[in-house]
Amino acid sequence: MKKTDVEKCPEINDPVDTHIWEPISFIIAKSMAKKHWSPNVATYISLVFGMMGGLMFGCRNIWVNVAGAVLFLLAIIFDCADGQIARLNKCGSLYGRMLDGFCDGFVYLAAYLGLAIHCFFDKIPFTDIQWSWWIFLLAVPAGAWFHGRQARVADYYKNTYMWIVGLHSELMGVQELEEKYNADKANLSLINKLSFKSYISYTKTQEKETKGVQLLRKKIAENNGVIPEEVANEFKKHVWLFKLGNLETVNLRTFVLIALLLAGVGCWHFAFIIVILEPINLILQWRVERLAKKCAKEYFK
């Protein structure tokens, strides 16, 4: 099987994933798939590498930071590999997706904690004042609020696009998730229960932030689940919008984080999240919501 056979959505895939991470991760995925290892093994390896690398960002030694950056990039590779293993062995599951997202949150928590600790003794730019605990007043909103919101919205729109144009999508509504949780919870492990509840909360927030898409989903449900061809064509015409969402996910923010950290100005990464990525997110959200409302209004009787 070729790498292209297990790609999720090549037409809106991040070029960095397509040309760098996925060719490397596919070698790992094929080896693990042949041994019939669970995709969750790759997820846990990604978690360990990512958290170790992120916490190593807190050290003031440049070589420890470089080693941390290498581990963090390896975490991205194994994060790509888990989905490839699932598609190679046709063993993908909702629980695997939830676990993947649950672990990703801990990886970036470690990275931002490490970065804040690293900046603790630095001076606030353009002043002689040490950051000290003040760095967390920048790091917490940037990481917990802005990063989380940007990643949620970009992920939701990407899955919405795949669903609308007829590709495999992992899009599920809150009601469907809650019904499945109530049916399965007696047999779930503690980690699956935690990741499931976290995923339901995550999806609730996504739906609150995407009212135009929810209106379109309601219209499709009322149309017996049939998506009009005109709607799919509208989304395909605006594929560039969904490619824009790639700027909100892993690669750009990771490269900028590592570059600024190694340049000795890591605190600017938190400003980058707020000042650069958030306006991109607002533009993405405004345009996609407008597109969804237009389709809901014009293509349903």
C-alpha atoms as a PDB file:
ATOM      1  CA  MET A   1       0.000   0.000   0.000  1.00  0.00           C
ATOM      2  CA  LYS A   2       1.223   3.515  -0.863  1.00  0.00           C
ATOM      3  CA  LYS A   3       1.275   6.522   1.448  1.00  0.00           C
ATOM      4  CA  THR A   4      -1.356   8.214  -0.697  1.00  0.00           C
ATOM      5  CA  ASP A   5      -3.751   5.347   0.053  1.00  0.00           C
ATOM      6  CA  VAL A   6      -3.889   6.274   3.741  1.00  0.00           C
ATOM      7  CA  GLU A   7      -3.959  10.063   3.497  1.00  0.00           C
ATOM      8  CA  LYS A   8      -7.057  11.615   5.084  1.00  0.00           C
ATOM      9  CA  CYS A   9      -7.725  14.464   2.660  1.00  0.00           C
ATOM     10  CA  PRO A  10      -4.866  15.303   0.253  1.00  0.00           C
ATOM     11  CA  GLU A  11      -6.634  18.302  -1.298  1.00  0.00           C
ATOM     12  CA  ILE A  12      -6.644  20.278   1.971  1.00  0.00           C
ATOM     13  CA  ASN A  13      -3.774  18.551   3.740  1.00  0.00           C
ATOM     14  CA  ASP A  14      -0.974  20.721   5.130  1.00  0.00           C
ATOM     15  CA  PRO A  15       1.917  20.584   2.584  1.00  0.00           C
ATOM     16  CA  VAL A  16       4.385  20.078   5.451  1.00  0.00           C
ATOM     17  CA  ASP A  17       2.478  16.974   6.508  1.00  0.00           C
ATOM     18  CA  THR A  18       2.218  15.730   2.918  1.00  0.00           C
ATOM     19  CA  HIS A  19       5.851  16.210   1.932  1.00  0.00           C
ATOM     20  CA  ILE A  20       7.769  15.856   5.216  1.00  0.00           C
ATOM     21  CA  TRP A  21       6.039  14.233   8.188  1.00  0.00           C
ATOM     22  CA  GLU A  22       3.789  11.683   6.487  1.00  0.00           C
ATOM     23  CA  PRO A  23       6.482  10.082   4.278  1.00  0.00           C
ATOM     24  CA  ILE A  24       8.590   9.583   7.414  1.00  0.00           C
ATOM     25  CA  SER A  25       5.698   8.444   9.608  1.00  0.00           C
ATOM     26  CA  PHE A  26       4.510   6.045   6.903  1.00  0.00           C
ATOM     27  CA  ILE A  27       7.749   4.045   7.246  1.00  0.00           C
ATOM     28  CA  ILE A  28       7.076   3.745  10.993  1.00  0.00           C
ATOM     29  CA  ALA A  29       3.386   3.010  10.452  1.00  0.00           C
ATOM     30  CA  LYS A  30       4.046   0.181   7.983  1.00  0.00           C
ATOM     31  CA  SER A  31       6.460  -1.466  10.401  1.00  0.00           C
ATOM     32  CA  MET A  32       4.065  -1.177  13.357  1.00  0.00           C
ATOM     33  CA  ALA A  33       1.076  -2.259  11.249  1.00  0.00           C
ATOM     34  CA  LYS A  34       2.904  -5.424  10.123  1.00  0.00           C
ATOM     35  CA  LYS A  35       3.397  -6.317  13.788  1.00  0.00           C
ATOM     36  CA  HIS A  36      -0.310  -5.602  14.384  1.00  0.00           C
ATOM     37  CA  TRP A  37       0.478  -2.984  16.994  1.00  0.00           C
ATOM     38  CA  SER A  38      -2.419  -0.820  18.047  1.00  0.00           C
ATOM     39  CA  PRO A  39      -2.467   2.777  16.753  1.00  0.00           C
ATOM     40  CA  ASN A  40      -2.681   3.753  20.421  1.00  0.00           C
ATOM     41  CA  VAL A  41       0.933   2.620  20.879  1.00  0.00           C
ATOM     42  CA  ALA A  42       2.031   5.339  18.457  1.00  0.00           C
ATOM     43  CA  THR A  43      -0.242   7.815  20.279  1.00  0.00           C
ATOM     44  CA  TYR A  44       1.381   7.027  23.631  1.00  0.00           C
ATOM     45  CA  ILE A  45       4.878   7.277  22.140  1.00  0.00           C
ATOM     46  CA  SER A  46       3.907  10.665  20.719  1.00  0.00           C
ATOM     47  CA  LEU A  47       2.622  11.703  24.157  1.00  0.00           C
ATOM     48  CA  VAL A  48       5.861  10.697  25.915  1.00  0.00           C
ATOM     49  CA  PHE A  49       8.153  12.317  23.337  1.00  0.00           C
ATOM     50  CA  GLY A  50       6.018  15.467  23.181  1.00  0.00           C
ATOM     51  CA  MET A  51       5.787  15.981  26.933  1.00  0.00           C
ATOM     52  CA  MET A  52       9.483  15.256  27.454  1.00  0.00           C
ATOM     53  CA  GLY A  53      10.433  17.640  24.656  1.00  0.00           C
ATOM     54  CA  GLY A  54       8.063  20.347  25.852  1.00  0.00           C
ATOM     55  CA  LEU A  55       9.338  20.234  29.429  1.00  0.00           C
ATOM     56  CA  MET A  56      12.936  20.342  28.158  1.00  0.00           C
ATOM     57  CA  PHE A  57      12.095  23.749  26.678  1.00  0.00           C
ATOM     58  CA  GLY A  58      12.162  24.984  30.270  1.00  0.00           C
ATOM     59  CA  CYS A  59      15.908  24.439  30.590  1.00  0.00           C
ATOM     60  CA  ARG A  60      18.248  27.398  30.010  1.00  0.00           C
ATOM     61  CA  ASN A  61      20.801  25.235  28.178  1.00  0.00           C
ATOM     62  CA  ILE A  62      20.604  25.623  24.379  1.00  0.00           C
ATOM     63  CA  TRP A  63      21.575  22.003  23.710  1.00  0.00           C
ATOM     64  CA  VAL A  64      18.870  20.696  26.020  1.00  0.00           C
ATOM     65  CA  ASN A  65      16.442  22.921  24.112  1.00  0.00           C
ATOM     66  CA  VAL A  66      17.668  21.468  20.800  1.00  0.00           C
ATOM     67  CA  ALA A  67      17.177  17.926  22.156  1.00  0.00           C
ATOM     68  CA  GLY A  68      13.701  18.943  23.314  1.00  0.00           C
ATOM     69  CA  ALA A  69      12.908  20.289  19.854  1.00  0.00           C
ATOM     70  CA  VAL A  70      13.988  16.984  18.269  1.00  0.00           C
ATOM     71  CA  LEU A  71      11.740  15.024  20.653  1.00  0.00           C
ATOM     72  CA  PHE A  72       8.864  17.406  19.961  1.00  0.00           C
ATOM     73  CA  LEU A  73       9.225  16.895  16.202  1.00  0.00           C
ATOM     74  CA  LEU A  74       9.401  13.132  16.714  1.00  0.00           C
ATOM     75  CA  ALA A  75       6.118  13.443  18.620  1.00  0.00           C
ATOM     76  CA  ILE A  76       4.543  15.014  15.524  1.00  0.00           C
ATOM     77  CA  ILE A  77       5.798  12.126  13.379  1.00  0.00           C
ATOM     78  CA  PHE A  78       4.304   9.488  15.705  1.00  0.00           C
ATOM     79  CA  ASP A  79       1.110  11.543  15.902  1.00  0.00           C
ATOM     80  CA  CYS A  80       0.851  11.169  12.119  1.00  0.00           C
ATOM     81  CA  ALA A  81       1.707   7.468  12.348  1.00  0.00           C
ATOM     82  CA  ASP A  82      -1.199   6.491  14.619  1.00  0.00           C
ATOM     83  CA  GLY A  83      -3.790   7.466  12.017  1.00  0.00           C
ATOM     84  CA  GLN A  84      -1.828   5.754   9.254  1.00  0.00           C
ATOM     85  CA  ILE A  85      -1.667   2.521  11.273  1.00  0.00           C
ATOM     86  CA  ALA A  86      -5.421   2.711  11.824  1.00  0.00           C
ATOM     87  CA  ARG A  87      -6.062   3.120   8.100  1.00  0.00           C
ATOM     88  CA  LEU A  88      -3.510   0.456   7.069  1.00  0.00           C
ATOM     89  CA  ASN A  89      -5.025  -2.171   9.366  1.00  0.00           C
ATOM     90  CA  LYS A  90      -8.574  -0.786   9.101  1.00  0.00           C
ATOM     91  CA  CYS A  91      -8.760  -0.574  12.884  1.00  0.00           C
ATOM     92  CA  GLY A  92      -9.586   3.082  13.377  1.00  0.00           C
ATOM     93  CA  SER A  93     -12.035   3.894  16.145  1.00  0.00           C
ATOM     94  CA  LEU A  94     -13.743   6.797  17.828  1.00  0.00           C
ATOM     95  CA  TYR A  95     -11.830   5.990  21.004  1.00  0.00           C
ATOM     96  CA  GLY A  96      -8.525   6.238  19.157  1.00  0.00           C
ATOM     97  CA  ARG A  97      -9.449   9.673  17.826  1.00  0.00           C
ATOM     98  CA  MET A  98     -10.507  10.850  21.283  1.00  0.00           C
ATOM     99  CA  LEU A  99      -7.345   9.510  22.894  1.00  0.00           C
ATOM    100  CA  ASP A 100      -5.257  11.225  20.218  1.00  0.00           C
ATOM    101  CA  GLY A 101      -6.853  14.606  20.909  1.00  0.00           C
ATOM    102  CA  PHE A 102      -6.669  14.071  24.684  1.00  0.00           C
ATOM    103  CA  CYS A 103      -2.927  13.382  24.479  1.00  0.00           C
ATOM    104  CA  ASP A 104      -2.290  16.319  22.122  1.00  0.00           C
ATOM    105  CA  GLY A 105      -3.637  18.632  24.804  1.00  0.00           C
ATOM    106  CA  PHE A 106      -1.084  17.373  27.333  1.00  0.00           C
ATOM    107  CA  VAL A 107       1.759  17.729  24.816  1.00  0.00           C
ATOM    108  CA  TYR A 108       1.056  21.410  24.233  1.00  0.00           C
ATOM    109  CA  LEU A 109       0.433  21.981  27.944  1.00  0.00           C
ATOM    110  CA  ALA A 110       3.964  20.685  28.572  1.00  0.00           C
ATOM    111  CA  ALA A 111       5.388  22.809  25.733  1.00  0.00           C
ATOM    112  CA  TYR A 112       3.820  26.047  26.943  1.00  0.00           C
ATOM    113  CA  LEU A 113       4.695  25.308  30.554  1.00  0.00           C
ATOM    114  CA  GLY A 114       8.300  24.641  29.519  1.00  0.00           C
ATOM    115  CA  LEU A 115       8.411  27.801  27.415  1.00  0.00           C
ATOM    116  CA  ALA A 116       7.011  29.920  30.269  1.00  0.00           C
ATOM    117  CA  ILE A 117       9.570  28.491  32.709  1.00  0.00           C
ATOM    118  CA  HIS A 118      12.324  29.218  30.175  1.00  0.00           C
ATOM    119  CA  CYS A 119      11.189  32.856  29.932  1.00  0.00           C
ATOM    120  CA  PHE A 120      10.804  33.255  33.712  1.00  0.00           C
ATOM    121  CA  PHE A 121      14.242  34.828  34.166  1.00  0.00           C
ATOM    122  CA  ASP A 122      14.235  36.783  30.903  1.00  0.00           C
ATOM    123  CA  LYS A 123      13.437  40.470  30.718  1.00  0.00           C
ATOM    124  CA  ILE A 124      10.182  41.781  29.325  1.00  0.00           C
ATOM    125  CA  PRO A 125      10.961  43.101  25.819  1.00  0.00           C
ATOM    126  CA  PHE A 126      11.991  46.768  25.694  1.00  0.00           C
ATOM    127  CA  THR A 127      12.291  46.966  29.495  1.00  0.00           C
ATOM    128  CA  ASP A 128      14.712  46.051  32.282  1.00  0.00           C
ATOM    129  CA  ILE A 129      11.984  44.218  34.193  1.00  0.00           C
ATOM    130  CA  GLN A 130      12.276  40.452  34.693  1.00  0.00           C
ATOM    131  CA  TRP A 131       9.252  38.461  33.554  1.00  0.00           C
ATOM    132  CA  SER A 132       9.069  36.406  36.763  1.00  0.00           C
ATOM    133  CA  TRP A 133       5.483  35.193  37.380  1.00  0.00           C
ATOM    134  CA  TRP A 134       4.138  37.793  34.966  1.00  0.00           C
ATOM    135  CA  ILE A 135       4.996  35.473  32.061  1.00  0.00           C
ATOM    136  CA  PHE A 136       2.052  33.270  33.045  1.00  0.00           C
ATOM    137  CA  LEU A 137      -0.342  36.190  32.521  1.00  0.00           C
ATOM    138  CA  LEU A 138       0.685  35.980  28.861  1.00  0.00           C
ATOM    139  CA  ALA A 139       1.208  32.217  28.596  1.00  0.00           C
ATOM    140  CA  VAL A 140      -2.088  31.047  30.122  1.00  0.00           C
ATOM    141  CA  PRO A 141      -4.469  33.021  27.851  1.00  0.00           C
ATOM    142  CA  ALA A 142      -2.312  32.343  24.797  1.00  0.00           C
ATOM    143  CA  GLY A 143      -2.152  28.605  25.431  1.00  0.00           C
ATOM    144  CA  ALA A 144      -5.425  27.796  27.171  1.00  0.00           C
ATOM    145  CA  TRP A 145      -7.752  30.186  25.355  1.00  0.00           C
ATOM    146  CA  PHE A 146      -6.378  31.304  21.994  1.00  0.00           C
ATOM    147  CA  HIS A 147      -4.491  28.127  21.012  1.00  0.00           C
ATOM    148  CA  GLY A 148      -7.399  25.928  22.087  1.00  0.00           C
ATOM    149  CA  ARG A 149      -9.948  27.986  20.177  1.00  0.00           C
ATOM    150  CA  GLN A 150      -7.852  28.142  17.016  1.00  0.00           C
ATOM    151  CA  ALA A 151      -7.199  24.394  16.961  1.00  0.00           C
ATOM    152  CA  ARG A 152     -10.863  23.531  17.707  1.00  0.00           C
ATOM    153  CA  VAL A 153     -12.240  25.714  14.924  1.00  0.00           C
ATOM    154  CA  ALA A 154      -9.686  24.627  12.299  1.00  0.00           C
ATOM    155  CA  ASP A 155     -10.221  20.936  13.107  1.00  0.00           C
ATOM    156  CA  TYR A 156     -14.014  21.275  12.970  1.00  0.00           C
ATOM    157  CA  TYR A 157     -13.986  23.081   9.632  1.00  0.00           C
ATOM    158  CA  LYS A 158     -11.613  20.538   8.118  1.00  0.00           C
ATOM    159  CA  ASN A 159     -13.917  17.665   9.110  1.00  0.00           C
ATOM    160  CA  THR A 160     -16.953  19.626   7.931  1.00  0.00           C
ATOM    161  CA  TYR A 161     -15.347  20.097   4.508  1.00  0.00           C
ATOM    162  CA  MET A 162     -14.583  16.374   4.199  1.00  0.00           C
ATOM    163  CA  TRP A 163     -18.153  15.482   5.204  1.00  0.00           C
ATOM    164  CA  ILE A 164     -19.736  17.943   2.778  1.00  0.00           C
ATOM    165  CA  VAL A 165     -17.674  16.860  -0.255  1.00  0.00           C
ATOM    166  CA  GLY A 166     -18.189  13.156   0.445  1.00  0.00           C
ATOM    167  CA  LEU A 167     -14.830  12.155   1.924  1.00  0.00           C
ATOM    168  CA  HIS A 168     -14.280  10.172   5.105  1.00  0.00           C
ATOM    169  CA  SER A 169     -14.996  12.500   8.015  1.00  0.00           C
ATOM    170  CA  GLU A 170     -14.819  12.111  11.782  1.00  0.00           C
ATOM    171  CA  LEU A 171     -17.591  14.671  12.330  1.00  0.00           C
ATOM    172  CA  MET A 172     -20.016  13.657  15.088  1.00  0.00           C
ATOM    173  CA  GLY A 173     -22.596  15.703  16.977  1.00  0.00           C
ATOM    174  CA  VAL A 174     -22.844  16.086  20.743  1.00  0.00           C
ATOM    175  CA  GLN A 175     -26.131  14.169  20.981  1.00  0.00           C
ATOM    176  CA  GLU A 176     -24.696  11.219  19.065  1.00  0.00           C
ATOM    177  CA  LEU A 177     -21.571  11.211  21.246  1.00  0.00           C
ATOM    178  CA  GLU A 178     -23.560  11.354  24.494  1.00  0.00           C
ATOM    179  CA  GLU A 179     -25.777   8.464  23.392  1.00  0.00           C
ATOM    180  CA  LYS A 180     -22.721   6.364  22.564  1.00  0.00           C
ATOM    181  CA  TYR A 181     -21.051   7.245  25.878  1.00  0.00           C
ATOM    182  CA  ASN A 182     -24.136   6.261  27.875  1.00  0.00           C
ATOM    183  CA  ALA A 183     -24.361   2.976  25.972  1.00  0.00           C
ATOM    184  CA  ASP A 184     -20.665   2.122  26.398  1.00  0.00           C
ATOM    185  CA  LYS A 185     -19.601   3.678  29.713  1.00  0.00           C
ATOM    186  CA  ALA A 186     -20.038   0.502  31.789  1.00  0.00           C
ATOM    187  CA  ASN A 187     -17.305  -1.186  29.718  1.00  0.00           C
ATOM    188  CA  LEU A 188     -14.937   1.771  29.357  1.00  0.00           C
ATOM    189  CA  SER A 189     -11.572   2.057  31.065  1.00  0.00           C
ATOM    190  CA  LEU A 190     -10.850   5.149  33.163  1.00  0.00           C
ATOM    191  CA  ILE A 191      -8.664   6.696  30.418  1.00  0.00           C
ATOM    192  CA  ASN A 192     -11.405   6.111  27.830  1.00  0.00           C
ATOM    193  CA  LYS A 193     -14.016   7.649  30.126  1.00  0.00           C
ATOM    194  CA  LEU A 194     -11.843  10.717  30.702  1.00  0.00           C
ATOM    195  CA  SER A 195     -11.001  11.141  27.029  1.00  0.00           C
ATOM    196  CA  PHE A 196     -14.663  10.554  26.034  1.00  0.00           C
ATOM    197  CA  LYS A 197     -15.972  13.201  28.466  1.00  0.00           C
ATOM    198  CA  SER A 198     -13.247  15.577  27.343  1.00  0.00           C
ATOM    199  CA  TYR A 199     -14.167  14.972  23.691  1.00  0.00           C
ATOM    200  CA  ILE A 200     -17.870  15.636  24.348  1.00  0.00           C
ATOM    201  CA  SER A 201     -16.976  18.921  26.049  1.00  0.00           C
ATOM    202  CA  TYR A 202     -14.638  19.763  23.154  1.00  0.00           C
ATOM    203  CA  THR A 203     -17.388  19.070  20.601  1.00  0.00           C
ATOM    204  CA  LYS A 204     -19.955  21.136  22.542  1.00  0.00           C
ATOM    205  CA  THR A 205     -17.604  24.104  22.367  1.00  0.00           C
ATOM    206  CA  GLN A 206     -17.001  23.532  18.647  1.00  0.00           C
ATOM    207  CA  GLU A 207     -20.744  23.569  17.971  1.00  0.00           C
ATOM    208  CA  LYS A 208     -21.236  26.777  19.989  1.00  0.00           C
ATOM    209  CA  GLU A 209     -18.494  28.470  17.974  1.00  0.00           C
ATOM    210  CA  THR A 210     -19.840  27.411  14.557  1.00  0.00           C
ATOM    211  CA  LYS A 211     -23.493  28.472  14.463  1.00  0.00           C
ATOM    212  CA  GLY A 212     -23.587  28.831  10.660  1.00  0.00           C
ATOM    213  CA  VAL A 213     -22.306  25.292  10.157  1.00  0.00           C
ATOM    214  CA  GLN A 214     -24.844  24.029  12.706  1.00  0.00           C
ATOM    215  CA  LEU A 215     -27.619  25.678  10.686  1.00  0.00           C
ATOM    216  CA  LEU A 216     -26.345  23.920   7.548  1.00  0.00           C
ATOM    217  CA  ARG A 217     -26.156  20.584   9.385  1.00  0.00           C
ATOM    218  CA  LYS A 218     -29.743  21.057  10.560  1.00  0.00           C
ATOM    219  CA  LYS A 219     -30.905  21.713   6.989  1.00  0.00           C
ATOM    220  CA  ILE A 220     -29.095  18.568   5.777  1.00  0.00           C
ATOM    221  CA  ALA A 221     -30.674  16.505   8.569  1.00  0.00           C
ATOM    222  CA  GLU A 222     -34.111  17.813   7.561  1.00  0.00           C
ATOM    223  CA  ASN A 223     -33.245  16.796   3.993  1.00  0.00           C
ATOM    224  CA  ASN A 224     -32.923  13.153   5.156  1.00  0.00           C
ATOM    225  CA  GLY A 225     -29.154  13.502   5.381  1.00  0.00           C
ATOM    226  CA  VAL A 226     -28.785  14.239   1.667  1.00  0.00           C
ATOM    227  CA  ILE A 227     -26.226  16.926   0.845  1.00  0.00           C
ATOM    228  CA  PRO A 228     -27.210  18.812  -2.339  1.00  0.00           C
ATOM    229  CA  GLU A 229     -24.580  18.756  -5.047  1.00  0.00           C
ATOM    230  CA  GLU A 230     -24.658  22.561  -5.146  1.00  0.00           C
ATOM    231  CA  VAL A 231     -23.531  22.699  -1.516  1.00  0.00           C
ATOM    232  CA  ALA A 232     -20.611  20.333  -2.184  1.00  0.00           C
ATOM    233  CA  ASN A 233     -19.621  22.417  -5.215  1.00  0.00           C
ATOM    234  CA  GLU A 234     -19.707  25.634  -3.156  1.00  0.00           C
ATOM    235  CA  PHE A 235     -17.395  24.103  -0.584  1.00  0.00           C
ATOM    236  CA  LYS A 236     -15.037  22.822  -3.290  1.00  0.00           C
ATOM    237  CA  LYS A 237     -14.901  26.310  -4.821  1.00  0.00           C
ATOM    238  CA  HIS A 238     -13.813  27.643  -1.430  1.00  0.00           C
ATOM    239  CA  VAL A 239     -11.225  24.948  -0.738  1.00  0.00           C
ATOM    240  CA  TRP A 240      -8.623  27.671  -0.152  1.00  0.00           C
ATOM    241  CA  LEU A 241     -10.493  28.627   3.024  1.00  0.00           C
ATOM    242  CA  PHE A 242     -10.040  25.186   4.501  1.00  0.00           C
ATOM    243  CA  LYS A 243      -6.373  25.178   3.511  1.00  0.00           C
ATOM    244  CA  LEU A 244      -6.053  28.436   5.467  1.00  0.00           C
ATOM    245  CA  GLY A 245      -7.008  26.445   8.547  1.00  0.00           C
ATOM    246  CA  ASN A 246      -3.685  24.591   8.291  1.00  0.00           C
ATOM    247  CA  LEU A 247      -1.994  27.734   9.627  1.00  0.00           C
ATOM    248  CA  GLU A 248      -3.956  27.248  12.850  1.00  0.00           C
ATOM    249  CA  THR A 249      -2.872  23.679  13.540  1.00  0.00           C
ATOM    250  CA  VAL A 250       0.419  22.014  14.448  1.00  0.00           C
ATOM    251  CA  ASN A 251       3.172  22.871  12.004  1.00  0.00           C
ATOM    252  CA  LEU A 252       3.383  26.642  11.812  1.00  0.00           C
ATOM    253  CA  ARG A 253       2.987  27.210  15.542  1.00  0.00           C
ATOM    254  CA  THR A 254       5.541  24.479  16.314  1.00  0.00           C
ATOM    255  CA  PHE A 255       8.170  25.833  13.913  1.00  0.00           C
ATOM    256  CA  VAL A 256       7.689  29.365  15.236  1.00  0.00           C
ATOM    257  CA  LEU A 257       7.873  28.150  18.848  1.00  0.00           C
ATOM    258  CA  ILE A 258      11.134  26.285  18.266  1.00  0.00           C
ATOM    259  CA  ALA A 259      12.685  29.095  16.206  1.00  0.00           C
ATOM    260  CA  LEU A 260      11.896  31.780  18.801  1.00  0.00           C
ATOM    261  CA  LEU A 261      12.995  29.558  21.688  1.00  0.00           C
ATOM    262  CA  LEU A 262      16.370  28.800  20.101  1.00  0.00           C
ATOM    263  CA  ALA A 263      16.777  32.494  19.195  1.00  0.00           C
ATOM    264  CA  GLY A 264      16.392  33.376  22.878  1.00  0.00           C
ATOM    265  CA  VAL A 265      13.101  35.266  22.468  1.00  0.00           C
ATOM    266  CA  GLY A 266      10.616  32.532  23.332  1.00  0.00           C
ATOM    267  CA  CYS A 267       8.128  34.921  24.976  1.00  0.00           C
ATOM    268  CA  TRP A 268       7.273  36.283  21.523  1.00  0.00           C
ATOM    269  CA  HIS A 269       5.608  32.960  20.698  1.00  0.00           C
ATOM    270  CA  PHE A 270       2.715  33.779  23.008  1.00  0.00           C
ATOM    271  CA  ALA A 271       2.318  37.126  21.263  1.00  0.00           C
ATOM    272  CA  PHE A 272       2.452  35.324  17.895  1.00  0.00           C
ATOM    273  CA  ILE A 273      -0.517  33.141  18.919  1.00  0.00           C
ATOM    274  CA  ILE A 274      -2.585  36.169  19.895  1.00  0.00           C
ATOM    275  CA  VAL A 275      -1.510  38.817  17.374  1.00  0.00           C
ATOM    276  CA  ILE A 276      -0.915  36.712  14.229  1.00  0.00           C
ATOM    277  CA  LEU A 277      -2.832  33.448  14.510  1.00  0.00           C
ATOM    278  CA  GLU A 278      -5.980  34.819  16.147  1.00  0.00           C
ATOM    279  CA  PRO A 279      -6.778  37.303  13.317  1.00  0.00           C
ATOM    280  CA  ILE A 280      -6.299  34.445  10.830  1.00  0.00           C
ATOM    281  CA  ASN A 281      -8.702  32.379  12.909  1.00  0.00           C
ATOM    282  CA  LEU A 282     -11.298  35.168  12.968  1.00  0.00           C
ATOM    283  CA  ILE A 283     -11.090  35.581   9.180  1.00  0.00           C
ATOM    284  CA  LEU A 284     -11.411  31.811   8.706  1.00  0.00           C
ATOM    285  CA  GLN A 285     -14.402  31.638  11.015  1.00  0.00           C
ATOM    286  CA  TRP A 286     -16.152  34.643   9.458  1.00  0.00           C
ATOM    287  CA  ARG A 287     -15.761  33.333   5.893  1.00  0.00           C
ATOM    288  CA  VAL A 288     -16.710  29.701   6.589  1.00  0.00           C
ATOM    289  CA  GLU A 289     -19.734  30.687   8.674  1.00  0.00           C
ATOM    290  CA  ARG A 290     -20.875  33.020   5.902  1.00  0.00           C
ATOM    291  CA  LEU A 291     -20.432  30.228   3.332  1.00  0.00           C
ATOM    292  CA  ALA A 292     -22.416  27.765   5.469  1.00  0.00           C
ATOM    293  CA  LYS A 293     -25.287  30.239   6.020  1.00  0.00           C
ATOM    294  CA  LYS A 294     -25.401  30.998   2.294  1.00  0.00           C
ATOM    295  CA  CYS A 295     -25.648  27.279   1.442  1.00  0.00           C
ATOM    296  CA  ALA A 296     -28.338  26.736   4.109  1.00  0.00           C
ATOM    297  CA  LYS A 297     -30.396  29.585   2.697  1.00  0.00           C
ATOM    298  CA  GLU A 298     -30.022  29.018  -1.053  1.00  0.00           C
ATOM    299  CA  TYR A 299     -29.889  25.251  -1.670  1.00  0.00           C
ATOM    300  CA  PHE A 300     -32.698  23.839   0.455  1.00  0.00           C
ATOM    301  CA  LYS A 301     -36.381  24.104  -0.422  1.00  0.00           C
END
